[in-house]
Amino acid sequence: STFLDSLLDDPLLKNDAQLRLRCLTVKGDVDMDFDTDLAERDWTEALSIAKTLGDSSWINRANGELGLISFLHGDYSAGALRVMGALSQAQKSKDLGGQIRYLTLIGDGLLQIGRYDQAIAMFDQAIAVGRGNPELGEPAMAYAGKAQALGSLGKNSEARELLESLLQTSRDKSAFGYES
């Protein structure tokens, strides 16, 4: 995050809106794991730049990420509305990566409130979007969420099979992060 922040001070990134937007989206992802206030700042600026550029895909992604941040900050209704809106827009624009991300996030939210069957339905949709699109990779977070929901429903053998399959796929592709 600190390194990416230093890049944002570079005159090249100050004068190239596309490059600045790309740096902010990466920084926003990094900051989301450590400091949601920083992530909010990153995604707010990214949204502003995307609007200036007229880039509807990044406008939608920034809105979705800001929705997640609202949710994490405790504003559940605003967060849910923004994430659901981002999913709807991703579906309309055929943004497959966005669809997988927001279906998975919605599934995670449902998982947290104990709506396991509904969570599984969201994870299954995310997995289905990824199926047949090898350039997207495996939606590992959707598989992991589904396994957690299955385990919560007492379907431990089904959850184990799913995780073992994902683990083997991760090993086959040398995807060490997903493997761990």
N, C-alpha and C. Protein backbone atom coordinates (compact mmCIF):
# COMPACT_ATOMS: atom_id res chain seq x y z
N SER A 1 0.83 -1.20 0.00
CA SER A 1 0.00 0.00 0.00
C SER A 1 0.87 1.25 0.00
N THR A 2 1.90 1.23 0.83
CA THR A 2 2.80 2.39 0.91
C THR A 2 3.52 2.60 -0.42
N PHE A 3 3.97 1.51 -1.02
CA PHE A 3 4.64 1.60 -2.32
C PHE A 3 3.70 2.16 -3.38
N LEU A 4 2.49 1.63 -3.44
CA LEU A 4 1.52 2.11 -4.43
C LEU A 4 1.17 3.57 -4.17
N ASP A 5 1.09 3.96 -2.90
CA ASP A 5 0.82 5.35 -2.56
C ASP A 5 1.93 6.26 -3.07
N SER A 6 3.18 5.79 -2.97
CA SER A 6 4.29 6.60 -3.47
C SER A 6 4.23 6.74 -4.98
N LEU A 7 3.74 5.71 -5.66
CA LEU A 7 3.60 5.79 -7.12
C LEU A 7 2.56 6.85 -7.51
N LEU A 8 1.53 6.98 -6.71
CA LEU A 8 0.48 7.95 -7.02
C LEU A 8 0.99 9.39 -7.00
N ASP A 9 2.14 9.61 -6.34
CA ASP A 9 2.75 10.95 -6.32
C ASP A 9 3.62 11.20 -7.54
N ASP A 10 3.89 10.17 -8.32
CA ASP A 10 4.73 10.30 -9.52
C ASP A 10 3.99 11.16 -10.54
N PRO A 11 4.69 12.12 -11.15
CA PRO A 11 4.05 12.99 -12.15
C PRO A 11 3.38 12.21 -13.30
N LEU A 12 3.95 11.06 -13.66
CA LEU A 12 3.35 10.25 -14.72
C LEU A 12 1.94 9.82 -14.33
N LEU A 13 1.77 9.36 -13.09
CA LEU A 13 0.46 8.93 -12.64
C LEU A 13 -0.47 10.10 -12.35
N LYS A 14 0.09 11.23 -12.06
CA LYS A 14 -0.76 12.42 -11.85
C LYS A 14 -1.34 12.91 -13.16
N ASN A 15 -0.63 12.65 -14.28
CA ASN A 15 -1.04 13.18 -15.58
C ASN A 15 -1.68 12.15 -16.50
N ASP A 16 -1.63 10.88 -16.14
CA ASP A 16 -2.21 9.83 -16.97
C ASP A 16 -3.37 9.20 -16.19
N ALA A 17 -4.59 9.60 -16.52
CA ALA A 17 -5.77 9.18 -15.77
C ALA A 17 -5.96 7.65 -15.81
N GLN A 18 -5.72 7.03 -16.96
CA GLN A 18 -5.88 5.57 -17.07
C GLN A 18 -4.90 4.85 -16.15
N LEU A 19 -3.66 5.28 -16.16
CA LEU A 19 -2.64 4.66 -15.32
C LEU A 19 -2.94 4.90 -13.84
N ARG A 20 -3.37 6.10 -13.50
CA ARG A 20 -3.72 6.41 -12.11
C ARG A 20 -4.90 5.55 -11.67
N LEU A 21 -5.89 5.40 -12.52
CA LEU A 21 -7.04 4.57 -12.20
C LEU A 21 -6.60 3.14 -11.92
N ARG A 22 -5.74 2.61 -12.76
CA ARG A 22 -5.26 1.23 -12.57
C ARG A 22 -4.52 1.09 -11.24
N CYS A 23 -3.66 2.03 -10.93
CA CYS A 23 -2.92 2.00 -9.67
C CYS A 23 -3.88 2.08 -8.48
N LEU A 24 -4.88 2.93 -8.56
CA LEU A 24 -5.85 3.07 -7.47
C LEU A 24 -6.66 1.79 -7.26
N THR A 25 -7.01 1.10 -8.35
CA THR A 25 -7.80 -0.12 -8.19
C THR A 25 -6.97 -1.21 -7.53
N VAL A 26 -5.70 -1.29 -7.88
CA VAL A 26 -4.82 -2.28 -7.23
C VAL A 26 -4.63 -1.90 -5.76
N LYS A 27 -4.38 -0.62 -5.51
CA LYS A 27 -4.19 -0.15 -4.13
C LYS A 27 -5.48 -0.37 -3.33
N GLY A 28 -6.62 -0.12 -3.94
CA GLY A 28 -7.90 -0.35 -3.26
C GLY A 28 -8.07 -1.79 -2.84
N ASP A 29 -7.67 -2.71 -3.70
CA ASP A 29 -7.74 -4.14 -3.36
C ASP A 29 -6.81 -4.48 -2.21
N VAL A 30 -5.59 -3.95 -2.26
CA VAL A 30 -4.62 -4.21 -1.20
C VAL A 30 -5.13 -3.62 0.12
N ASP A 31 -5.57 -2.38 0.08
CA ASP A 31 -6.01 -1.70 1.31
C ASP A 31 -7.26 -2.34 1.90
N MET A 32 -8.09 -2.96 1.07
CA MET A 32 -9.31 -3.59 1.56
C MET A 32 -8.98 -4.65 2.62
N ASP A 33 -7.82 -5.28 2.50
CA ASP A 33 -7.43 -6.32 3.45
C ASP A 33 -6.89 -5.78 4.76
N PHE A 34 -6.51 -4.49 4.80
CA PHE A 34 -5.82 -3.96 5.96
C PHE A 34 -6.46 -2.73 6.57
N ASP A 35 -7.04 -1.88 5.74
CA ASP A 35 -7.55 -0.59 6.24
C ASP A 35 -8.68 -0.13 5.32
N THR A 36 -9.90 -0.36 5.76
CA THR A 36 -11.04 -0.03 4.90
C THR A 36 -11.20 1.47 4.69
N ASP A 37 -10.69 2.29 5.62
CA ASP A 37 -10.75 3.74 5.41
C ASP A 37 -9.86 4.15 4.24
N LEU A 38 -8.65 3.55 4.17
CA LEU A 38 -7.77 3.82 3.02
C LEU A 38 -8.41 3.29 1.73
N ALA A 39 -8.98 2.09 1.82
CA ALA A 39 -9.63 1.51 0.64
C ALA A 39 -10.77 2.41 0.16
N GLU A 40 -11.51 2.97 1.09
CA GLU A 40 -12.60 3.88 0.71
C GLU A 40 -12.05 5.10 -0.02
N ARG A 41 -10.96 5.64 0.46
CA ARG A 41 -10.34 6.79 -0.21
C ARG A 41 -9.89 6.40 -1.63
N ASP A 42 -9.25 5.22 -1.74
CA ASP A 42 -8.78 4.76 -3.05
C ASP A 42 -9.94 4.59 -4.02
N TRP A 43 -10.99 3.89 -3.59
CA TRP A 43 -12.10 3.59 -4.48
C TRP A 43 -12.93 4.84 -4.80
N THR A 44 -12.98 5.79 -3.87
CA THR A 44 -13.70 7.04 -4.14
C THR A 44 -12.98 7.82 -5.24
N GLU A 45 -11.66 7.89 -5.15
CA GLU A 45 -10.90 8.57 -6.21
C GLU A 45 -11.00 7.79 -7.52
N ALA A 46 -10.94 6.46 -7.44
CA ALA A 46 -11.06 5.65 -8.65
C ALA A 46 -12.42 5.90 -9.32
N LEU A 47 -13.48 5.98 -8.51
CA LEU A 47 -14.81 6.27 -9.06
C LEU A 47 -14.83 7.62 -9.75
N SER A 48 -14.24 8.61 -9.15
CA SER A 48 -14.20 9.94 -9.74
C SER A 48 -13.47 9.93 -11.08
N ILE A 49 -12.33 9.27 -11.13
CA ILE A 49 -11.57 9.19 -12.39
C ILE A 49 -12.34 8.41 -13.44
N ALA A 50 -12.94 7.28 -13.03
CA ALA A 50 -13.71 6.47 -13.98
C ALA A 50 -14.86 7.28 -14.57
N LYS A 51 -15.50 8.10 -13.75
CA LYS A 51 -16.59 8.96 -14.25
C LYS A 51 -16.05 9.98 -15.24
N THR A 52 -14.90 10.57 -14.93
CA THR A 52 -14.28 11.54 -15.83
C THR A 52 -13.94 10.89 -17.17
N LEU A 53 -13.46 9.64 -17.11
CA LEU A 53 -13.09 8.92 -18.33
C LEU A 53 -14.31 8.32 -19.05
N GLY A 54 -15.45 8.29 -18.37
CA GLY A 54 -16.64 7.67 -18.95
C GLY A 54 -16.50 6.16 -19.05
N ASP A 55 -15.75 5.56 -18.14
CA ASP A 55 -15.49 4.12 -18.15
C ASP A 55 -16.53 3.41 -17.29
N SER A 56 -17.61 2.96 -17.92
CA SER A 56 -18.73 2.39 -17.17
C SER A 56 -18.35 1.13 -16.41
N SER A 57 -17.42 0.36 -16.93
CA SER A 57 -17.01 -0.86 -16.23
C SER A 57 -16.35 -0.52 -14.89
N TRP A 58 -15.43 0.45 -14.90
CA TRP A 58 -14.76 0.81 -13.66
C TRP A 58 -15.66 1.64 -12.75
N ILE A 59 -16.61 2.36 -13.30
CA ILE A 59 -17.60 3.04 -12.46
C ILE A 59 -18.35 2.00 -11.64
N ASN A 60 -18.78 0.94 -12.32
CA ASN A 60 -19.53 -0.11 -11.65
C ASN A 60 -18.67 -0.83 -10.61
N ARG A 61 -17.44 -1.18 -10.98
CA ARG A 61 -16.57 -1.87 -10.03
C ARG A 61 -16.31 -1.01 -8.80
N ALA A 62 -16.04 0.27 -9.00
CA ALA A 62 -15.78 1.16 -7.86
C ALA A 62 -17.03 1.26 -6.98
N ASN A 63 -18.19 1.37 -7.58
CA ASN A 63 -19.42 1.41 -6.79
C ASN A 63 -19.61 0.13 -5.98
N GLY A 64 -19.32 -1.01 -6.59
CA GLY A 64 -19.42 -2.28 -5.89
C GLY A 64 -18.47 -2.37 -4.71
N GLU A 65 -17.23 -1.94 -4.91
CA GLU A 65 -16.24 -1.97 -3.83
C GLU A 65 -16.61 -1.00 -2.73
N LEU A 66 -17.14 0.17 -3.09
CA LEU A 66 -17.61 1.11 -2.08
C LEU A 66 -18.80 0.55 -1.31
N GLY A 67 -19.61 -0.26 -1.99
CA GLY A 67 -20.70 -0.95 -1.31
C GLY A 67 -20.19 -1.94 -0.29
N LEU A 68 -19.16 -2.68 -0.65
CA LEU A 68 -18.56 -3.62 0.29
C LEU A 68 -18.01 -2.87 1.50
N ILE A 69 -17.37 -1.74 1.26
CA ILE A 69 -16.82 -0.94 2.35
C ILE A 69 -17.95 -0.43 3.25
N SER A 70 -19.05 0.03 2.66
CA SER A 70 -20.20 0.47 3.46
C SER A 70 -20.67 -0.67 4.36
N PHE A 71 -20.75 -1.85 3.80
CA PHE A 71 -21.17 -3.03 4.55
C PHE A 71 -20.20 -3.29 5.70
N LEU A 72 -18.90 -3.24 5.42
CA LEU A 72 -17.90 -3.49 6.46
C LEU A 72 -17.91 -2.40 7.53
N HIS A 73 -18.34 -1.20 7.17
CA HIS A 73 -18.44 -0.10 8.14
C HIS A 73 -19.77 -0.13 8.90
N GLY A 74 -20.60 -1.12 8.63
CA GLY A 74 -21.84 -1.28 9.38
C GLY A 74 -23.08 -0.71 8.73
N ASP A 75 -22.94 -0.10 7.57
CA ASP A 75 -24.12 0.44 6.87
C ASP A 75 -24.60 -0.65 5.90
N TYR A 76 -25.31 -1.62 6.47
CA TYR A 76 -25.68 -2.82 5.73
C TYR A 76 -26.64 -2.54 4.57
N SER A 77 -27.60 -1.66 4.79
CA SER A 77 -28.57 -1.42 3.71
C SER A 77 -27.91 -0.72 2.53
N ALA A 78 -27.09 0.31 2.79
CA ALA A 78 -26.40 1.00 1.69
C ALA A 78 -25.43 0.05 1.00
N GLY A 79 -24.73 -0.75 1.79
CA GLY A 79 -23.78 -1.69 1.23
C GLY A 79 -24.47 -2.71 0.35
N ALA A 80 -25.57 -3.27 0.84
CA ALA A 80 -26.30 -4.28 0.07
C ALA A 80 -26.84 -3.69 -1.23
N LEU A 81 -27.38 -2.48 -1.16
CA LEU A 81 -27.91 -1.84 -2.37
C LEU A 81 -26.83 -1.63 -3.41
N ARG A 82 -25.66 -1.16 -2.98
CA ARG A 82 -24.58 -0.90 -3.93
C ARG A 82 -24.03 -2.19 -4.52
N VAL A 83 -23.86 -3.21 -3.69
CA VAL A 83 -23.33 -4.47 -4.20
C VAL A 83 -24.34 -5.13 -5.13
N MET A 84 -25.61 -5.11 -4.77
CA MET A 84 -26.65 -5.68 -5.65
C MET A 84 -26.72 -4.89 -6.96
N GLY A 85 -26.59 -3.58 -6.88
CA GLY A 85 -26.57 -2.75 -8.09
C GLY A 85 -25.38 -3.07 -8.96
N ALA A 86 -24.22 -3.29 -8.33
CA ALA A 86 -23.01 -3.64 -9.09
C ALA A 86 -23.18 -5.00 -9.77
N LEU A 87 -23.81 -5.95 -9.07
CA LEU A 87 -24.06 -7.26 -9.68
C LEU A 87 -24.99 -7.10 -10.88
N SER A 88 -26.06 -6.36 -10.71
CA SER A 88 -27.02 -6.17 -11.80
C SER A 88 -26.35 -5.53 -13.02
N GLN A 89 -25.54 -4.51 -12.77
CA GLN A 89 -24.86 -3.83 -13.87
C GLN A 89 -23.82 -4.75 -14.52
N ALA A 90 -23.12 -5.54 -13.72
CA ALA A 90 -22.14 -6.49 -14.26
C ALA A 90 -22.83 -7.51 -15.16
N GLN A 91 -24.01 -7.94 -14.76
CA GLN A 91 -24.77 -8.88 -15.59
C GLN A 91 -25.21 -8.23 -16.89
N LYS A 92 -25.68 -7.00 -16.82
CA LYS A 92 -26.13 -6.29 -18.03
C LYS A 92 -24.98 -6.06 -19.01
N SER A 93 -23.81 -5.74 -18.46
CA SER A 93 -22.66 -5.42 -19.32
C SER A 93 -21.81 -6.64 -19.64
N LYS A 94 -22.22 -7.81 -19.15
CA LYS A 94 -21.51 -9.07 -19.40
C LYS A 94 -20.08 -9.06 -18.84
N ASP A 95 -19.91 -8.36 -17.70
CA ASP A 95 -18.64 -8.33 -16.98
C ASP A 95 -18.58 -9.58 -16.12
N LEU A 96 -17.97 -10.64 -16.66
CA LEU A 96 -17.98 -11.93 -15.97
C LEU A 96 -17.22 -11.90 -14.66
N GLY A 97 -16.06 -11.24 -14.65
CA GLY A 97 -15.29 -11.13 -13.42
C GLY A 97 -16.07 -10.40 -12.33
N GLY A 98 -16.75 -9.32 -12.71
CA GLY A 98 -17.58 -8.58 -11.76
C GLY A 98 -18.72 -9.44 -11.24
N GLN A 99 -19.33 -10.22 -12.13
CA GLN A 99 -20.42 -11.09 -11.70
C GLN A 99 -19.93 -12.09 -10.65
N ILE A 100 -18.79 -12.70 -10.92
CA ILE A 100 -18.25 -13.68 -9.98
C ILE A 100 -17.96 -13.01 -8.64
N ARG A 101 -17.33 -11.85 -8.69
CA ARG A 101 -16.97 -11.15 -7.44
C ARG A 101 -18.20 -10.83 -6.61
N TYR A 102 -19.22 -10.23 -7.24
CA TYR A 102 -20.36 -9.78 -6.46
C TYR A 102 -21.28 -10.92 -6.06
N LEU A 103 -21.41 -11.95 -6.88
CA LEU A 103 -22.16 -13.14 -6.46
C LEU A 103 -21.49 -13.78 -5.25
N THR A 104 -20.16 -13.83 -5.28
CA THR A 104 -19.41 -14.42 -4.15
C THR A 104 -19.57 -13.56 -2.90
N LEU A 105 -19.48 -12.25 -3.04
CA LEU A 105 -19.65 -11.38 -1.88
C LEU A 105 -21.05 -11.50 -1.28
N ILE A 106 -22.05 -11.57 -2.14
CA ILE A 106 -23.43 -11.73 -1.65
C ILE A 106 -23.56 -13.09 -0.95
N GLY A 107 -22.96 -14.12 -1.54
CA GLY A 107 -22.96 -15.43 -0.89
C GLY A 107 -22.30 -15.39 0.47
N ASP A 108 -21.17 -14.68 0.57
CA ASP A 108 -20.49 -14.54 1.86
C ASP A 108 -21.37 -13.83 2.88
N GLY A 109 -22.07 -12.79 2.44
CA GLY A 109 -22.97 -12.09 3.34
C GLY A 109 -24.09 -13.00 3.85
N LEU A 110 -24.66 -13.77 2.95
CA LEU A 110 -25.72 -14.71 3.34
C LEU A 110 -25.18 -15.78 4.28
N LEU A 111 -23.97 -16.22 4.04
CA LEU A 111 -23.32 -17.19 4.90
C LEU A 111 -23.18 -16.64 6.32
N GLN A 112 -22.78 -15.37 6.43
CA GLN A 112 -22.57 -14.76 7.74
C GLN A 112 -23.85 -14.66 8.56
N ILE A 113 -24.99 -14.58 7.89
CA ILE A 113 -26.26 -14.47 8.64
C ILE A 113 -27.01 -15.80 8.70
N GLY A 114 -26.33 -16.88 8.32
CA GLY A 114 -26.90 -18.21 8.48
C GLY A 114 -27.90 -18.64 7.43
N ARG A 115 -27.92 -17.97 6.30
CA ARG A 115 -28.82 -18.36 5.21
C ARG A 115 -28.04 -19.24 4.23
N TYR A 116 -27.75 -20.44 4.68
CA TYR A 116 -26.82 -21.32 3.98
C TYR A 116 -27.31 -21.76 2.61
N ASP A 117 -28.58 -22.11 2.48
CA ASP A 117 -29.10 -22.54 1.18
C ASP A 117 -29.05 -21.40 0.16
N GLN A 118 -29.39 -20.20 0.59
CA GLN A 118 -29.33 -19.04 -0.31
C GLN A 118 -27.87 -18.72 -0.67
N ALA A 119 -26.98 -18.87 0.30
CA ALA A 119 -25.55 -18.64 0.04
C ALA A 119 -25.05 -19.63 -1.01
N ILE A 120 -25.43 -20.88 -0.86
CA ILE A 120 -25.01 -21.90 -1.83
C ILE A 120 -25.51 -21.54 -3.22
N ALA A 121 -26.72 -21.03 -3.32
CA ALA A 121 -27.27 -20.64 -4.63
C ALA A 121 -26.42 -19.54 -5.26
N MET A 122 -25.98 -18.57 -4.45
CA MET A 122 -25.12 -17.49 -4.97
C MET A 122 -23.76 -18.05 -5.40
N PHE A 123 -23.18 -18.91 -4.56
CA PHE A 123 -21.88 -19.49 -4.91
C PHE A 123 -21.99 -20.35 -6.17
N ASP A 124 -23.08 -21.09 -6.30
CA ASP A 124 -23.28 -21.91 -7.51
C ASP A 124 -23.38 -21.02 -8.76
N GLN A 125 -24.04 -19.88 -8.63
CA GLN A 125 -24.12 -18.96 -9.77
C GLN A 125 -22.74 -18.43 -10.14
N ALA A 126 -21.94 -18.08 -9.13
CA ALA A 126 -20.59 -17.59 -9.38
C ALA A 126 -19.74 -18.66 -10.07
N ILE A 127 -19.86 -19.87 -9.60
CA ILE A 127 -19.11 -20.99 -10.18
C ILE A 127 -19.55 -21.22 -11.62
N ALA A 128 -20.85 -21.13 -11.86
CA ALA A 128 -21.38 -21.33 -13.22
C ALA A 128 -20.87 -20.25 -14.18
N VAL A 129 -20.76 -19.02 -13.71
CA VAL A 129 -20.24 -17.95 -14.57
C VAL A 129 -18.79 -18.24 -14.95
N GLY A 130 -18.02 -18.75 -13.99
CA GLY A 130 -16.62 -19.07 -14.25
C GLY A 130 -16.41 -20.29 -15.13
N ARG A 131 -17.34 -21.23 -15.06
CA ARG A 131 -17.22 -22.46 -15.84
C ARG A 131 -17.26 -22.13 -17.33
N GLY A 132 -16.36 -22.68 -18.07
CA GLY A 132 -16.33 -22.44 -19.51
C GLY A 132 -15.59 -21.16 -19.89
N ASN A 133 -15.00 -20.49 -18.92
CA ASN A 133 -14.24 -19.27 -19.18
C ASN A 133 -12.86 -19.42 -18.53
N PRO A 134 -11.99 -20.22 -19.14
CA PRO A 134 -10.70 -20.54 -18.51
C PRO A 134 -9.82 -19.31 -18.27
N GLU A 135 -10.03 -18.24 -19.02
CA GLU A 135 -9.22 -17.04 -18.81
C GLU A 135 -9.52 -16.39 -17.46
N LEU A 136 -10.64 -16.74 -16.84
CA LEU A 136 -10.99 -16.17 -15.54
C LEU A 136 -10.36 -16.95 -14.39
N GLY A 137 -9.97 -18.17 -14.61
CA GLY A 137 -9.47 -19.00 -13.52
C GLY A 137 -10.62 -19.55 -12.70
N GLU A 138 -10.27 -20.36 -11.73
CA GLU A 138 -11.29 -20.96 -10.86
C GLU A 138 -11.75 -19.93 -9.83
N PRO A 139 -13.05 -19.81 -9.63
CA PRO A 139 -13.53 -18.90 -8.58
C PRO A 139 -13.37 -19.54 -7.20
N ALA A 140 -12.13 -19.60 -6.74
CA ALA A 140 -11.79 -20.33 -5.51
C ALA A 140 -12.58 -19.84 -4.30
N MET A 141 -12.80 -18.54 -4.21
CA MET A 141 -13.53 -18.01 -3.06
C MET A 141 -14.99 -18.50 -3.06
N ALA A 142 -15.56 -18.65 -4.24
CA ALA A 142 -16.93 -19.17 -4.33
C ALA A 142 -16.97 -20.64 -3.90
N TYR A 143 -15.97 -21.42 -4.33
CA TYR A 143 -15.91 -22.82 -3.91
C TYR A 143 -15.72 -22.93 -2.40
N ALA A 144 -14.83 -22.12 -1.85
CA ALA A 144 -14.57 -22.16 -0.41
C ALA A 144 -15.81 -21.75 0.38
N GLY A 145 -16.51 -20.73 -0.09
CA GLY A 145 -17.74 -20.30 0.57
C GLY A 145 -18.81 -21.38 0.52
N LYS A 146 -18.91 -22.02 -0.63
CA LYS A 146 -19.90 -23.09 -0.76
C LYS A 146 -19.56 -24.23 0.19
N ALA A 147 -18.28 -24.58 0.28
CA ALA A 147 -17.87 -25.65 1.19
C ALA A 147 -18.21 -25.29 2.63
N GLN A 148 -17.99 -24.03 3.00
CA GLN A 148 -18.30 -23.59 4.36
C GLN A 148 -19.81 -23.70 4.62
N ALA A 149 -20.61 -23.29 3.65
CA ALA A 149 -22.07 -23.38 3.80
C ALA A 149 -22.51 -24.83 3.90
N LEU A 150 -21.94 -25.69 3.07
CA LEU A 150 -22.28 -27.12 3.13
C LEU A 150 -21.93 -27.69 4.51
N GLY A 151 -20.76 -27.33 5.01
CA GLY A 151 -20.36 -27.80 6.34
C GLY A 151 -21.32 -27.30 7.41
N SER A 152 -21.77 -26.07 7.29
CA SER A 152 -22.71 -25.51 8.26
C SER A 152 -24.05 -26.22 8.22
N LEU A 153 -24.37 -26.80 7.07
CA LEU A 153 -25.61 -27.58 6.93
C LEU A 153 -25.43 -29.05 7.32
N GLY A 154 -24.21 -29.39 7.77
CA GLY A 154 -23.93 -30.77 8.17
C GLY A 154 -23.60 -31.69 7.00
N LYS A 155 -23.38 -31.12 5.83
CA LYS A 155 -23.05 -31.90 4.63
C LYS A 155 -21.53 -31.95 4.49
N ASN A 156 -20.90 -32.55 5.51
CA ASN A 156 -19.45 -32.52 5.60
C ASN A 156 -18.74 -33.28 4.49
N SER A 157 -19.27 -34.43 4.08
CA SER A 157 -18.60 -35.19 3.03
C SER A 157 -18.66 -34.45 1.69
N GLU A 158 -19.78 -33.79 1.43
CA GLU A 158 -19.91 -33.01 0.20
C GLU A 158 -18.95 -31.80 0.23
N ALA A 159 -18.85 -31.17 1.39
CA ALA A 159 -17.93 -30.04 1.55
C ALA A 159 -16.49 -30.49 1.35
N ARG A 160 -16.14 -31.63 1.94
CA ARG A 160 -14.78 -32.17 1.82
C ARG A 160 -14.43 -32.49 0.38
N GLU A 161 -15.36 -33.12 -0.33
CA GLU A 161 -15.14 -33.45 -1.75
C GLU A 161 -14.89 -32.18 -2.57
N LEU A 162 -15.67 -31.17 -2.31
CA LEU A 162 -15.53 -29.91 -3.03
C LEU A 162 -14.16 -29.30 -2.77
N LEU A 163 -13.75 -29.26 -1.51
CA LEU A 163 -12.45 -28.69 -1.16
C LEU A 163 -11.29 -29.52 -1.71
N GLU A 164 -11.43 -30.83 -1.69
CA GLU A 164 -10.37 -31.69 -2.24
C GLU A 164 -10.23 -31.49 -3.74
N SER A 165 -11.34 -31.31 -4.42
CA SER A 165 -11.32 -31.04 -5.86
C SER A 165 -10.64 -29.70 -6.14
N LEU A 166 -10.99 -28.67 -5.36
CA LEU A 166 -10.38 -27.36 -5.52
C LEU A 166 -8.88 -27.41 -5.20
N LEU A 167 -8.53 -28.17 -4.18
CA LEU A 167 -7.12 -28.31 -3.81
C LEU A 167 -6.34 -28.97 -4.94
N GLN A 168 -6.90 -29.99 -5.55
CA GLN A 168 -6.21 -30.66 -6.66
C GLN A 168 -6.06 -29.73 -7.86
N THR A 169 -7.10 -28.98 -8.16
CA THR A 169 -7.03 -28.00 -9.26
C THR A 169 -5.94 -26.97 -8.97
N SER A 170 -5.89 -26.50 -7.73
CA SER A 170 -4.87 -25.52 -7.34
C SER A 170 -3.47 -26.10 -7.49
N ARG A 171 -3.29 -27.34 -7.09
CA ARG A 171 -1.98 -27.99 -7.23
C ARG A 171 -1.62 -28.18 -8.70
N ASP A 172 -2.59 -28.60 -9.51
CA ASP A 172 -2.34 -28.81 -10.93
C ASP A 172 -1.90 -27.53 -11.63
N LYS A 173 -2.41 -26.40 -11.16
CA LYS A 173 -2.11 -25.11 -11.78
C LYS A 173 -1.00 -24.35 -11.04
N SER A 174 -0.40 -25.00 -10.04
CA SER A 174 0.62 -24.37 -9.21
C SER A 174 0.14 -23.02 -8.65
N ALA A 175 -1.11 -23.01 -8.25
CA ALA A 175 -1.71 -21.80 -7.66
C ALA A 175 -1.53 -21.91 -6.13
N PHE A 176 -0.33 -21.54 -5.68
CA PHE A 176 0.04 -21.76 -4.28
C PHE A 176 -0.82 -20.97 -3.30
N GLY A 177 -1.24 -19.79 -3.68
CA GLY A 177 -2.10 -19.00 -2.80
C GLY A 177 -3.42 -19.72 -2.55
N TYR A 178 -4.03 -20.22 -3.62
CA TYR A 178 -5.30 -20.94 -3.46
C TYR A 178 -5.07 -22.27 -2.77
N GLU A 179 -3.94 -22.90 -3.05
CA GLU A 179 -3.65 -24.17 -2.41
C GLU A 179 -3.55 -23.99 -0.90
N SER A 180 -2.90 -22.92 -0.46
CA SER A 180 -2.77 -22.71 0.99
C SER A 180 -4.12 -22.42 1.62
